[in-house]
C-alpha atoms as a PDB file:
ATOM      1  CA  MET A   1      19.466 -47.743 -47.529  1.00  0.00           C
ATOM      2  CA  ARG A   2      21.100 -43.672 -48.688  1.00  0.00           C
ATOM      3  CA  ARG A   3      23.302 -42.162 -47.417  1.00  0.00           C
ATOM      4  CA  GLY A   4      21.570 -39.364 -46.107  1.00  0.00           C
ATOM      5  CA  GLN A   5      19.681 -42.255 -44.474  1.00  0.00           C
ATOM      6  CA  LEU A   6      23.359 -43.871 -42.935  1.00  0.00           C
ATOM      7  CA  LEU A   7      24.561 -40.424 -41.917  1.00  0.00           C
ATOM      8  CA  ALA A   8      21.751 -39.320 -39.611  1.00  0.00           C
ATOM      9  CA  LEU A   9      21.905 -43.336 -38.038  1.00  0.00           C
ATOM     10  CA  GLY A  10      25.468 -42.571 -38.168  1.00  0.00           C
ATOM     11  CA  TRP A  11      25.437 -40.078 -35.829  1.00  0.00           C
ATOM     12  CA  LEU A  12      22.182 -41.019 -33.608  1.00  0.00           C
ATOM     13  CA  ALA A  13      24.148 -43.765 -32.716  1.00  0.00           C
ATOM     14  CA  GLY A  14      27.515 -41.720 -31.987  1.00  0.00           C
ATOM     15  CA  VAL A  15      24.435 -38.948 -30.259  1.00  0.00           C
ATOM     16  CA  VAL A  16      23.254 -42.079 -27.900  1.00  0.00           C
ATOM     17  CA  LEU A  17      26.989 -43.864 -27.129  1.00  0.00           C
ATOM     18  CA  LEU A  18      29.067 -40.729 -25.835  1.00  0.00           C
ATOM     19  CA  ALA A  19      25.957 -39.814 -23.670  1.00  0.00           C
ATOM     20  CA  LEU A  20      26.177 -43.523 -21.924  1.00  0.00           C
ATOM     21  CA  LEU A  21      29.335 -43.613 -21.776  1.00  0.00           C
ATOM     22  CA  ALA A  22      29.930 -39.899 -21.187  1.00  0.00           C
ATOM     23  CA  PRO A  23      30.531 -40.175 -17.721  1.00  0.00           C
ATOM     24  CA  VAL A  24      33.647 -42.949 -17.980  1.00  0.00           C
ATOM     25  CA  LEU A  25      34.879 -40.838 -20.839  1.00  0.00           C
ATOM     26  CA  PRO A  26      38.880 -39.849 -20.160  1.00  0.00           C
ATOM     27  CA  LEU A  27      37.756 -35.983 -20.547  1.00  0.00           C
ATOM     28  CA  PRO A  28      40.283 -32.760 -19.979  1.00  0.00           C
ATOM     29  CA  TYR A  29      37.473 -30.907 -18.057  1.00  0.00           C
ATOM     30  CA  PRO A  30      34.736 -32.112 -16.571  1.00  0.00           C
ATOM     31  CA  ALA A  31      31.426 -30.568 -16.762  1.00  0.00           C
ATOM     32  CA  GLY A  32      30.107 -28.404 -14.279  1.00  0.00           C
ATOM     33  CA  ILE A  33      33.082 -26.944 -13.191  1.00  0.00           C
ATOM     34  CA  PRO A  34      34.944 -23.834 -14.433  1.00  0.00           C
ATOM     35  CA  ASP A  35      38.653 -23.064 -15.427  1.00  0.00           C
ATOM     36  CA  LEU A  36      38.610 -19.802 -14.517  1.00  0.00           C
ATOM     37  CA  ALA A  37      41.770 -19.495 -16.112  1.00  0.00           C
ATOM     38  CA  HIS A  38      40.429 -19.678 -19.255  1.00  0.00           C
ATOM     39  CA  VAL A  39      36.660 -17.860 -19.424  1.00  0.00           C
ATOM     40  CA  ALA A  40      35.069 -17.188 -23.200  1.00  0.00           C
ATOM     41  CA  GLU A  41      38.982 -18.972 -24.839  1.00  0.00           C
ATOM     42  CA  ALA A  42      38.288 -20.380 -28.219  1.00  0.00           C
ATOM     43  CA  PRO A  43      39.497 -23.642 -29.022  1.00  0.00           C
ATOM     44  CA  SER A  44      43.443 -24.532 -28.093  1.00  0.00           C
ATOM     45  CA  ARG A  45      45.170 -27.268 -27.923  1.00  0.00           C
ATOM     46  CA  ALA A  46      47.516 -25.895 -25.513  1.00  0.00           C
ATOM     47  CA  SER A  47      44.855 -25.579 -22.609  1.00  0.00           C
ATOM     48  CA  ARG A  48      43.279 -28.533 -23.820  1.00  0.00           C
ATOM     49  CA  HIS A  49      40.353 -26.892 -24.254  1.00  0.00           C
ATOM     50  CA  TRP A  50      39.618 -29.122 -28.095  1.00  0.00           C
ATOM     51  CA  LEU A  51      36.064 -27.090 -28.583  1.00  0.00           C
ATOM     52  CA  GLY A  52      36.930 -23.343 -26.143  1.00  0.00           C
ATOM     53  CA  THR A  53      35.175 -22.748 -23.093  1.00  0.00           C
ATOM     54  CA  ASP A  54      32.168 -20.628 -22.274  1.00  0.00           C
ATOM     55  CA  PRO A  55      31.317 -16.991 -20.992  1.00  0.00           C
ATOM     56  CA  GLN A  56      32.077 -18.740 -17.109  1.00  0.00           C
ATOM     57  CA  GLY A  57      34.858 -21.080 -17.817  1.00  0.00           C
ATOM     58  CA  GLY A  58      32.933 -24.044 -18.548  1.00  0.00           C
ATOM     59  CA  ASP A  59      34.365 -26.524 -20.836  1.00  0.00           C
ATOM     60  CA  VAL A  60      32.310 -26.518 -24.019  1.00  0.00           C
ATOM     61  CA  LEU A  61      33.381 -30.114 -25.205  1.00  0.00           C
ATOM     62  CA  SER A  62      32.181 -31.897 -21.140  1.00  0.00           C
ATOM     63  CA  GLY A  63      28.961 -30.045 -21.818  1.00  0.00           C
ATOM     64  CA  LEU A  64      28.190 -31.228 -25.292  1.00  0.00           C
ATOM     65  CA  LEU A  65      28.799 -34.796 -23.923  1.00  0.00           C
ATOM     66  CA  PHE A  66      27.255 -34.384 -20.775  1.00  0.00           C
ATOM     67  CA  GLY A  67      24.100 -32.435 -22.397  1.00  0.00           C
ATOM     68  CA  ALA A  68      23.675 -35.047 -24.807  1.00  0.00           C
ATOM     69  CA  ARG A  69      22.970 -37.386 -21.208  1.00  0.00           C
ATOM     70  CA  THR A  70      20.425 -34.926 -20.444  1.00  0.00           C
ATOM     71  CA  ALA A  71      18.644 -35.460 -23.640  1.00  0.00           C
ATOM     72  CA  LEU A  72      18.582 -39.155 -23.635  1.00  0.00           C
ATOM     73  CA  LEU A  73      17.525 -39.590 -20.353  1.00  0.00           C
ATOM     74  CA  LEU A  74      15.063 -37.126 -20.768  1.00  0.00           C
ATOM     75  CA  THR A  75      13.405 -36.581 -23.935  1.00  0.00           C
ATOM     76  CA  LEU A  76      13.584 -40.451 -24.729  1.00  0.00           C
ATOM     77  CA  PRO A  77      11.620 -41.615 -21.895  1.00  0.00           C
ATOM     78  CA  ALA A  78       9.466 -38.225 -22.144  1.00  0.00           C
ATOM     79  CA  ALA A  79       8.505 -39.564 -25.595  1.00  0.00           C
ATOM     80  CA  LEU A  80       7.869 -43.231 -24.484  1.00  0.00           C
ATOM     81  CA  LEU A  81       5.253 -41.963 -22.014  1.00  0.00           C
ATOM     82  CA  ALA A  82       3.530 -39.409 -23.822  1.00  0.00           C
ATOM     83  CA  ASN A  83       3.124 -41.947 -26.728  1.00  0.00           C
ATOM     84  CA  LEU A  84       2.187 -44.838 -23.832  1.00  0.00           C
ATOM     85  CA  LEU A  85      -0.224 -42.939 -22.429  1.00  0.00           C
ATOM     86  CA  GLY A  86      -2.005 -41.561 -26.087  1.00  0.00           C
ATOM     87  CA  GLY A  87      -1.818 -44.874 -27.522  1.00  0.00           C
ATOM     88  CA  VAL A  88      -3.835 -46.885 -24.762  1.00  0.00           C
ATOM     89  CA  VAL A  89      -6.281 -43.396 -23.942  1.00  0.00           C
ATOM     90  CA  GLY A  90      -6.788 -42.548 -28.069  1.00  0.00           C
ATOM     91  CA  GLY A  91      -7.260 -46.878 -28.323  1.00  0.00           C
ATOM     92  CA  ALA A  92     -10.204 -46.950 -25.734  1.00  0.00           C
ATOM     93  CA  ALA A  93     -11.744 -43.891 -27.424  1.00  0.00           C
ATOM     94  CA  GLY A  94     -11.308 -45.781 -31.235  1.00  0.00           C
ATOM     95  CA  PHE A  95     -13.129 -49.323 -29.044  1.00  0.00           C
ATOM     96  CA  TRP A  96     -15.770 -48.212 -26.784  1.00  0.00           C
ATOM     97  CA  GLY A  97     -16.277 -44.609 -27.999  1.00  0.00           C
ATOM     98  CA  ASN A  98     -19.017 -43.456 -25.781  1.00  0.00           C
ATOM     99  CA  ARG A  99     -20.810 -46.716 -24.916  1.00  0.00           C
ATOM    100  CA  LEU A 100     -18.176 -47.933 -21.601  1.00  0.00           C
ATOM    101  CA  LEU A 101     -19.469 -49.324 -19.235  1.00  0.00           C
ATOM    102  CA  VAL A 102     -18.112 -47.618 -15.859  1.00  0.00           C
ATOM    103  CA  SER A 103     -20.268 -48.201 -11.868  1.00  0.00           C
ATOM    104  CA  ALA A 104     -20.941 -45.432 -10.980  1.00  0.00           C
ATOM    105  CA  PRO A 105     -19.118 -44.772  -7.365  1.00  0.00           C
ATOM    106  CA  ALA A 106     -16.426 -44.990 -10.116  1.00  0.00           C
ATOM    107  CA  MET A 107     -17.661 -42.428 -11.861  1.00  0.00           C
ATOM    108  CA  GLY A 108     -16.856 -40.487  -8.832  1.00  0.00           C
ATOM    109  CA  LEU A 109     -13.280 -40.222  -8.891  1.00  0.00           C
ATOM    110  CA  ALA A 110     -12.727 -38.673 -12.456  1.00  0.00           C
ATOM    111  CA  PRO A 111     -12.692 -35.459 -10.294  1.00  0.00           C
ATOM    112  CA  LEU A 112     -10.228 -36.968  -7.538  1.00  0.00           C
ATOM    113  CA  ALA A 113      -8.139 -38.094 -10.409  1.00  0.00           C
ATOM    114  CA  LEU A 114      -9.107 -34.013 -12.877  1.00  0.00           C
ATOM    115  CA  ALA A 115      -7.605 -32.447  -9.488  1.00  0.00           C
ATOM    116  CA  TRP A 116      -4.756 -34.626  -8.640  1.00  0.00           C
ATOM    117  CA  VAL A 117      -3.046 -34.043 -11.468  1.00  0.00           C
ATOM    118  CA  LEU A 118      -3.093 -29.982 -11.859  1.00  0.00           C
ATOM    119  CA  GLY A 119      -1.934 -30.525  -8.670  1.00  0.00           C
ATOM    120  CA  MET A 120      -3.943 -29.741  -6.202  1.00  0.00           C
ATOM    121  CA  PRO A 121      -4.518 -32.478  -3.818  1.00  0.00           C
ATOM    122  CA  PRO A 122      -6.727 -30.734  -0.990  1.00  0.00           C
ATOM    123  CA  LEU A 123      -9.303 -30.155  -3.933  1.00  0.00           C
ATOM    124  CA  ALA A 124      -9.007 -33.368  -5.333  1.00  0.00           C
ATOM    125  CA  VAL A 125      -9.741 -35.565  -1.807  1.00  0.00           C
ATOM    126  CA  ALA A 126     -12.941 -32.267  -1.351  1.00  0.00           C
ATOM    127  CA  ALA A 127     -14.156 -33.041  -4.786  1.00  0.00           C
ATOM    128  CA  GLY A 128     -13.639 -36.712  -4.455  1.00  0.00           C
ATOM    129  CA  ALA A 129     -15.216 -37.105  -1.264  1.00  0.00           C
ATOM    130  CA  VAL A 130     -18.197 -34.595  -2.468  1.00  0.00           C
ATOM    131  CA  THR A 131     -18.642 -36.775  -5.441  1.00  0.00           C
ATOM    132  CA  VAL A 132     -18.301 -40.248  -4.129  1.00  0.00           C
ATOM    133  CA  GLY A 133     -20.691 -39.404  -1.712  1.00  0.00           C
ATOM    134  CA  ALA A 134     -23.443 -37.754  -3.606  1.00  0.00           C
ATOM    135  CA  LEU A 135     -23.348 -40.675  -5.807  1.00  0.00           C
ATOM    136  CA  TRP A 136     -23.788 -43.070  -3.478  1.00  0.00           C
ATOM    137  CA  ALA A 137     -25.894 -41.638  -1.997  1.00  0.00           C
ATOM    138  CA  TRP A 138     -28.404 -41.685  -5.713  1.00  0.00           C
ATOM    139  CA  ARG A 139     -27.888 -45.411  -5.720  1.00  0.00           C
ATOM    140  CA  CYS A 140     -29.002 -46.039  -2.128  1.00  0.00           C
ATOM    141  CA  MET A 141     -32.339 -44.442  -3.181  1.00  0.00           C
ATOM    142  CA  ARG A 142     -32.597 -46.164  -7.000  1.00  0.00           C
ATOM    143  CA  ARG A 143     -31.802 -43.354  -9.026  1.00  0.00           C
ATOM    144  CA  LEU A 144     -28.770 -43.971 -10.912  1.00  0.00           C
ATOM    145  CA  PRO A 145     -28.072 -47.077 -12.110  1.00  0.00           C
ATOM    146  CA  ALA A 146     -24.888 -49.698 -11.165  1.00  0.00           C
ATOM    147  CA  SER A 147     -22.902 -48.502 -14.034  1.00  0.00           C
ATOM    148  CA  ILE A 148     -23.079 -45.468 -16.492  1.00  0.00           C
ATOM    149  CA  ALA A 149     -22.738 -45.673 -20.167  1.00  0.00           C
ATOM    150  CA  ALA A 150     -19.318 -43.208 -19.876  1.00  0.00           C
ATOM    151  CA  PRO A 151     -18.870 -40.151 -22.486  1.00  0.00           C
ATOM    152  CA  LEU A 152     -15.342 -41.662 -23.043  1.00  0.00           C
ATOM    153  CA  ASP A 153     -14.395 -40.663 -26.718  1.00  0.00           C
ATOM    154  CA  SER A 154     -16.314 -37.066 -26.289  1.00  0.00           C
ATOM    155  CA  LEU A 155     -14.388 -36.706 -23.253  1.00  0.00           C
ATOM    156  CA  VAL A 156     -10.124 -38.148 -24.742  1.00  0.00           C
ATOM    157  CA  LEU A 157     -11.366 -35.686 -28.417  1.00  0.00           C
ATOM    158  CA  ALA A 158     -12.473 -32.938 -25.737  1.00  0.00           C
ATOM    159  CA  THR A 159      -9.465 -33.012 -23.312  1.00  0.00           C
ATOM    160  CA  VAL A 160      -7.020 -33.479 -26.437  1.00  0.00           C
ATOM    161  CA  SER A 161      -8.340 -30.140 -28.381  1.00  0.00           C
ATOM    162  CA  SER A 162      -8.035 -28.789 -25.065  1.00  0.00           C
ATOM    163  CA  LEU A 163      -4.828 -29.084 -25.403  1.00  0.00           C
ATOM    164  CA  ASP A 164      -3.612 -28.642 -28.422  1.00  0.00           C
ATOM    165  CA  THR A 165      -5.386 -25.428 -28.323  1.00  0.00           C
ATOM    166  CA  VAL A 166      -3.389 -24.399 -26.486  1.00  0.00           C
ATOM    167  CA  PRO A 167       0.559 -23.964 -27.660  1.00  0.00           C
ATOM    168  CA  ARG A 168       2.416 -26.316 -26.400  1.00  0.00           C
ATOM    169  CA  LEU A 169       5.624 -24.154 -25.194  1.00  0.00           C
ATOM    170  CA  VAL A 170       2.826 -21.843 -23.038  1.00  0.00           C
ATOM    171  CA  LEU A 171       1.424 -25.187 -21.516  1.00  0.00           C
ATOM    172  CA  VAL A 172       4.674 -26.690 -20.874  1.00  0.00           C
ATOM    173  CA  LEU A 173       5.805 -23.174 -19.037  1.00  0.00           C
ATOM    174  CA  ALA A 174       2.374 -22.458 -16.699  1.00  0.00           C
ATOM    175  CA  LEU A 175       3.090 -26.159 -15.663  1.00  0.00           C
ATOM    176  CA  VAL A 176       7.182 -25.650 -14.664  1.00  0.00           C
ATOM    177  CA  ALA A 177       7.449 -21.682 -13.745  1.00  0.00           C
ATOM    178  CA  ARG A 178       7.517 -22.362  -9.958  1.00  0.00           C
ATOM    179  CA  GLY A 179      10.381 -24.833 -11.031  1.00  0.00           C
ATOM    180  CA  GLY A 180      12.158 -26.971  -8.442  1.00  0.00           C
ATOM    181  CA  LEU A 181      11.587 -29.648 -11.136  1.00  0.00           C
ATOM    182  CA  SER A 182      13.866 -32.866 -11.419  1.00  0.00           C
ATOM    183  CA  VAL A 183      14.897 -34.232 -13.948  1.00  0.00           C
ATOM    184  CA  ALA A 184      12.214 -36.621 -13.963  1.00  0.00           C
ATOM    185  CA  GLY A 185       9.717 -34.145 -12.990  1.00  0.00           C
ATOM    186  CA  LEU A 186      10.308 -32.504 -15.541  1.00  0.00           C
ATOM    187  CA  GLY A 187      10.267 -35.472 -18.334  1.00  0.00           C
ATOM    188  CA  LEU A 188       7.006 -35.738 -16.342  1.00  0.00           C
ATOM    189  CA  VAL A 189       5.760 -32.839 -17.543  1.00  0.00           C
ATOM    190  CA  LEU A 190       6.680 -32.848 -20.976  1.00  0.00           C
ATOM    191  CA  GLY A 191       5.290 -36.464 -21.531  1.00  0.00           C
ATOM    192  CA  LEU A 192       1.497 -36.117 -19.724  1.00  0.00           C
ATOM    193  CA  THR A 193       1.626 -32.896 -22.597  1.00  0.00           C
ATOM    194  CA  ALA A 194       2.561 -34.116 -25.650  1.00  0.00           C
ATOM    195  CA  TRP A 195       0.274 -37.590 -25.499  1.00  0.00           C
ATOM    196  CA  SER A 196      -2.612 -35.992 -27.787  1.00  0.00           C
ATOM    197  CA  GLY A 197      -0.957 -36.443 -30.912  1.00  0.00           C
ATOM    198  CA  PRO A 198      -0.726 -40.131 -30.243  1.00  0.00           C
ATOM    199  CA  ALA A 199      -3.920 -40.269 -29.074  1.00  0.00           C
ATOM    200  CA  ARG A 200      -5.614 -38.348 -32.162  1.00  0.00           C
ATOM    201  CA  LEU A 201      -3.546 -41.231 -34.778  1.00  0.00           C
ATOM    202  CA  VAL A 202      -4.711 -44.617 -32.681  1.00  0.00           C
ATOM    203  CA  ARG A 203      -8.203 -43.806 -31.921  1.00  0.00           C
ATOM    204  CA  ALA A 204      -8.438 -42.994 -35.661  1.00  0.00           C
ATOM    205  CA  ARG A 205      -6.397 -46.730 -36.743  1.00  0.00           C
ATOM    206  CA  MET A 206      -8.740 -48.072 -33.475  1.00  0.00           C
ATOM    207  CA  LEU A 207     -11.598 -47.296 -35.452  1.00  0.00           C
ATOM    208  CA  ALA A 208     -10.584 -48.579 -38.458  1.00  0.00           C
ATOM    209  CA  VAL A 209      -9.356 -52.166 -37.214  1.00  0.00           C
ATOM    210  CA  LYS A 210     -12.231 -53.065 -34.610  1.00  0.00           C
ATOM    211  CA  ALA A 211     -14.379 -53.464 -37.956  1.00  0.00           C
ATOM    212  CA  LEU A 212     -12.013 -55.784 -39.277  1.00  0.00           C
ATOM    213  CA  PRO A 213     -13.164 -59.597 -39.291  1.00  0.00           C
ATOM    214  CA  PHE A 214     -10.942 -60.514 -36.655  1.00  0.00           C
ATOM    215  CA  VAL A 215     -11.705 -58.256 -33.616  1.00  0.00           C
ATOM    216  CA  GLU A 216     -15.491 -59.335 -34.979  1.00  0.00           C
ATOM    217  CA  ALA A 217     -14.651 -63.040 -34.887  1.00  0.00           C
ATOM    218  CA  ALA A 218     -13.608 -61.810 -31.481  1.00  0.00           C
ATOM    219  CA  GLN A 219     -16.092 -60.600 -29.713  1.00  0.00           C
ATOM    220  CA  ALA A 220     -18.549 -63.249 -31.447  1.00  0.00           C
ATOM    221  CA  SER A 221     -16.509 -66.053 -29.718  1.00  0.00           C
ATOM    222  CA  GLY A 222     -17.937 -64.486 -26.387  1.00  0.00           C
ATOM    223  CA  LEU A 223     -14.711 -63.132 -24.878  1.00  0.00           C
ATOM    224  CA  PRO A 224     -14.485 -60.110 -22.528  1.00  0.00           C
ATOM    225  CA  LEU A 225     -14.797 -57.118 -24.062  1.00  0.00           C
ATOM    226  CA  ALA A 226     -11.328 -55.660 -22.176  1.00  0.00           C
ATOM    227  CA  ARG A 227      -9.150 -58.953 -23.639  1.00  0.00           C
ATOM    228  CA  VAL A 228     -10.098 -57.605 -28.003  1.00  0.00           C
ATOM    229  CA  TRP A 229      -8.989 -54.453 -26.821  1.00  0.00           C
ATOM    230  CA  TRP A 230      -6.276 -55.387 -25.312  1.00  0.00           C
ATOM    231  CA  HIS A 231      -4.427 -58.797 -27.825  1.00  0.00           C
ATOM    232  CA  HIS A 232      -6.223 -58.579 -30.262  1.00  0.00           C
ATOM    233  CA  ALA A 233      -7.447 -54.791 -31.267  1.00  0.00           C
ATOM    234  CA  LEU A 234      -4.865 -52.834 -29.729  1.00  0.00           C
ATOM    235  CA  PRO A 235      -1.620 -54.261 -31.082  1.00  0.00           C
ATOM    236  CA  HIS A 236      -2.919 -53.154 -34.489  1.00  0.00           C
ATOM    237  CA  ALA A 237      -4.374 -49.921 -33.845  1.00  0.00           C
ATOM    238  CA  LEU A 238      -1.213 -48.501 -31.700  1.00  0.00           C
ATOM    239  CA  LYS A 239       0.966 -49.211 -35.207  1.00  0.00           C
ATOM    240  CA  PRO A 240       1.135 -45.509 -36.591  1.00  0.00           C
ATOM    241  CA  LEU A 241       3.539 -44.364 -33.711  1.00  0.00           C
ATOM    242  CA  GLN A 242       6.125 -46.249 -35.100  1.00  0.00           C
ATOM    243  CA  THR A 243       6.395 -43.146 -36.574  1.00  0.00           C
ATOM    244  CA  ALA A 244       5.051 -40.456 -34.180  1.00  0.00           C
ATOM    245  CA  LEU A 245       7.668 -41.608 -31.939  1.00  0.00           C
ATOM    246  CA  PRO A 246      10.050 -40.673 -33.608  1.00  0.00           C
ATOM    247  CA  LEU A 247       8.266 -37.021 -34.262  1.00  0.00           C
ATOM    248  CA  SER A 248       7.554 -36.759 -30.347  1.00  0.00           C
ATOM    249  CA  LEU A 249      11.186 -37.178 -29.259  1.00  0.00           C
ATOM    250  CA  ALA A 250      12.391 -34.566 -31.983  1.00  0.00           C
ATOM    251  CA  GLY A 251       9.525 -32.487 -30.779  1.00  0.00           C
ATOM    252  CA  LEU A 252      10.749 -32.681 -27.189  1.00  0.00           C
ATOM    253  CA  LEU A 253      14.293 -32.259 -27.889  1.00  0.00           C
ATOM    254  CA  ALA A 254      13.711 -29.080 -29.568  1.00  0.00           C
ATOM    255  CA  LEU A 255      11.127 -27.603 -26.490  1.00  0.00           C
ATOM    256  CA  GLU A 256      13.649 -29.223 -23.368  1.00  0.00           C
ATOM    257  CA  SER A 257      16.758 -26.737 -25.815  1.00  0.00           C
ATOM    258  CA  THR A 258      13.489 -24.439 -25.363  1.00  0.00           C
ATOM    259  CA  LEU A 259      12.946 -23.885 -21.568  1.00  0.00           C
ATOM    260  CA  SER A 260      16.537 -24.296 -21.033  1.00  0.00           C
ATOM    261  CA  PHE A 261      17.390 -21.674 -23.015  1.00  0.00           C
ATOM    262  CA  LEU A 262      14.964 -19.673 -21.648  1.00  0.00           C
ATOM    263  CA  GLY A 263      16.699 -20.618 -18.069  1.00  0.00           C
ATOM    264  CA  ILE A 264      12.940 -22.771 -16.935  1.00  0.00           C
ATOM    265  CA  GLY A 265      13.221 -25.779 -16.409  1.00  0.00           C
ATOM    266  CA  LEU A 266      16.348 -28.127 -15.241  1.00  0.00           C
ATOM    267  CA  PRO A 267      18.148 -27.344 -12.436  1.00  0.00           C
ATOM    268  CA  PRO A 268      21.322 -25.088 -13.591  1.00  0.00           C
ATOM    269  CA  ASP A 269      23.678 -27.742 -12.822  1.00  0.00           C
ATOM    270  CA  VAL A 270      22.463 -29.994 -14.793  1.00  0.00           C
ATOM    271  CA  ALA A 271      24.131 -29.887 -18.489  1.00  0.00           C
ATOM    272  CA  SER A 272      21.629 -29.094 -21.360  1.00  0.00           C
ATOM    273  CA  TRP A 273      22.204 -27.956 -25.001  1.00  0.00           C
ATOM    274  CA  GLY A 274      20.011 -24.934 -24.543  1.00  0.00           C
ATOM    275  CA  GLN A 275      21.065 -23.972 -21.310  1.00  0.00           C
ATOM    276  CA  GLN A 276      25.054 -23.905 -23.467  1.00  0.00           C
ATOM    277  CA  LEU A 277      23.613 -21.589 -26.212  1.00  0.00           C
ATOM    278  CA  ALA A 278      21.871 -19.174 -23.357  1.00  0.00           C
ATOM    279  CA  ALA A 279      24.896 -18.741 -21.797  1.00  0.00           C
ATOM    280  CA  ALA A 280      26.808 -17.918 -24.728  1.00  0.00           C
ATOM    281  CA  ARG A 281      24.841 -14.738 -25.088  1.00  0.00           C
ATOM    282  CA  GLN A 282      26.420 -13.318 -22.294  1.00  0.00           C
ATOM    283  CA  GLN A 283      29.805 -12.483 -25.085  1.00  0.00           C
ATOM    284  CA  PRO A 284      28.056 -13.198 -28.268  1.00  0.00           C
ATOM    285  CA  GLN A 285      32.107 -12.578 -29.329  1.00  0.00           C
ATOM    286  CA  ALA A 286      32.240 -16.769 -28.820  1.00  0.00           C
ATOM    287  CA  TRP A 287      31.216 -17.782 -31.612  1.00  0.00           C
ATOM    288  CA  TRP A 288      32.249 -21.552 -30.786  1.00  0.00           C
ATOM    289  CA  ALA A 289      29.822 -21.454 -27.809  1.00  0.00           C
ATOM    290  CA  VAL A 290      27.007 -21.262 -30.072  1.00  0.00           C
ATOM    291  CA  VAL A 291      28.479 -23.239 -33.047  1.00  0.00           C
ATOM    292  CA  PHE A 292      28.820 -26.132 -31.302  1.00  0.00           C
ATOM    293  CA  PRO A 293      25.770 -26.261 -29.731  1.00  0.00           C
ATOM    294  CA  ALA A 294      23.816 -25.239 -32.004  1.00  0.00           C
ATOM    295  CA  LEU A 295      24.581 -27.757 -34.135  1.00  0.00           C
ATOM    296  CA  ALA A 296      24.765 -30.725 -32.127  1.00  0.00           C
ATOM    297  CA  LEU A 297      21.136 -29.908 -31.807  1.00  0.00           C
ATOM    298  CA  PHE A 298      20.772 -28.982 -34.753  1.00  0.00           C
ATOM    299  CA  ALA A 299      22.449 -32.121 -36.572  1.00  0.00           C
ATOM    300  CA  THR A 300      20.176 -34.821 -33.901  1.00  0.00           C
ATOM    301  CA  ILE A 301      16.808 -33.160 -35.105  1.00  0.00           C
ATOM    302  CA  ILE A 302      17.056 -33.308 -38.301  1.00  0.00           C
ATOM    303  CA  SER A 303      18.963 -37.537 -38.609  1.00  0.00           C
ATOM    304  CA  ILE A 304      15.230 -38.414 -35.948  1.00  0.00           C
ATOM    305  CA  ASN A 305      13.020 -36.585 -39.212  1.00  0.00           C
ATOM    306  CA  VAL A 306      15.502 -37.987 -41.678  1.00  0.00           C
ATOM    307  CA  LEU A 307      14.784 -41.531 -40.353  1.00  0.00           C
ATOM    308  CA  THR A 308      11.226 -41.339 -39.456  1.00  0.00           C
ATOM    309  CA  THR A 309      10.441 -40.190 -43.455  1.00  0.00           C
ATOM    310  CA  ARG A 310      12.292 -43.042 -44.648  1.00  0.00           C
ATOM    311  CA  LYS A 311      10.624 -44.913 -42.374  1.00  0.00           C
ATOM    312  CA  SER A 312       6.770 -42.987 -42.928  1.00  0.00           C
ATOM    313  CA  SER A 313       7.963 -44.052 -47.231  1.00  0.00           C
ATOM    314  CA  LEU A 314       8.617 -47.762 -46.592  1.00  0.00           C
ATOM    315  CA  SER A 315       5.157 -47.831 -44.826  1.00  0.00           C
ATOM    316  CA  ASN A 316       3.553 -46.301 -47.082  1.00  0.00           C
END
């Protein structure tokens, strides 16, 4: 491992360690509590503000440590959710294509699920009830088969293309603009808007995996297709996520910091590197309130990219 990879690994390990230990570290000043006697003060040993204070009197060092904790506890679960969802959806689309057999009444649940995800529960109930009722009526009249070949691959590709058409920042802003989201809620929104990239990678890999001899032999042995997909094909198709997960993590970290900088997303009492950068706009001459959070964010994203590039080169 080269010196650059060692530095990147050491930096990330330090960020994770400090983020986990932030609540128990003996910090001179707690995060989120302003020191009104030292507002926008430069780094000083006398006041024990080792990295200075921001324009609200908040300690920059405490904000950095608790901002790292927020980044870890928010963006890592969001990246895991995005890759898990994208892997399962992309793997299913690549394996079954447009020939996934679904019972006719179950097809009626699709409008319900879509409306519920979009945050419209009344519309979800109405759409689901009407569609399920109509499908049951057609089924009773024997005009509809017991199962329908759902165009899963086409639906996934259309959804992925739609998500990729809209810039992710604009999409997330539209979803969180009304406010009132918790850290878990923002993480859920970030994860549900970032699964399209992993889905594309896993789908492309699945198209090659399902033609391999061991998958064809498993199908020829009489195993259920769902078991072949889950136990044999999907584990091999998920290998691209080894690279996609760190890239998703870096992208979501940058996106969360942008949202916090704009004052959207996280509650004001939650520490974030983006909020620290936004606070520095009130007093631009306080360079320490900008430099330290910016360096932390930049070094973290660059370190993730350096290790991801190293892993990609080794896999190739």
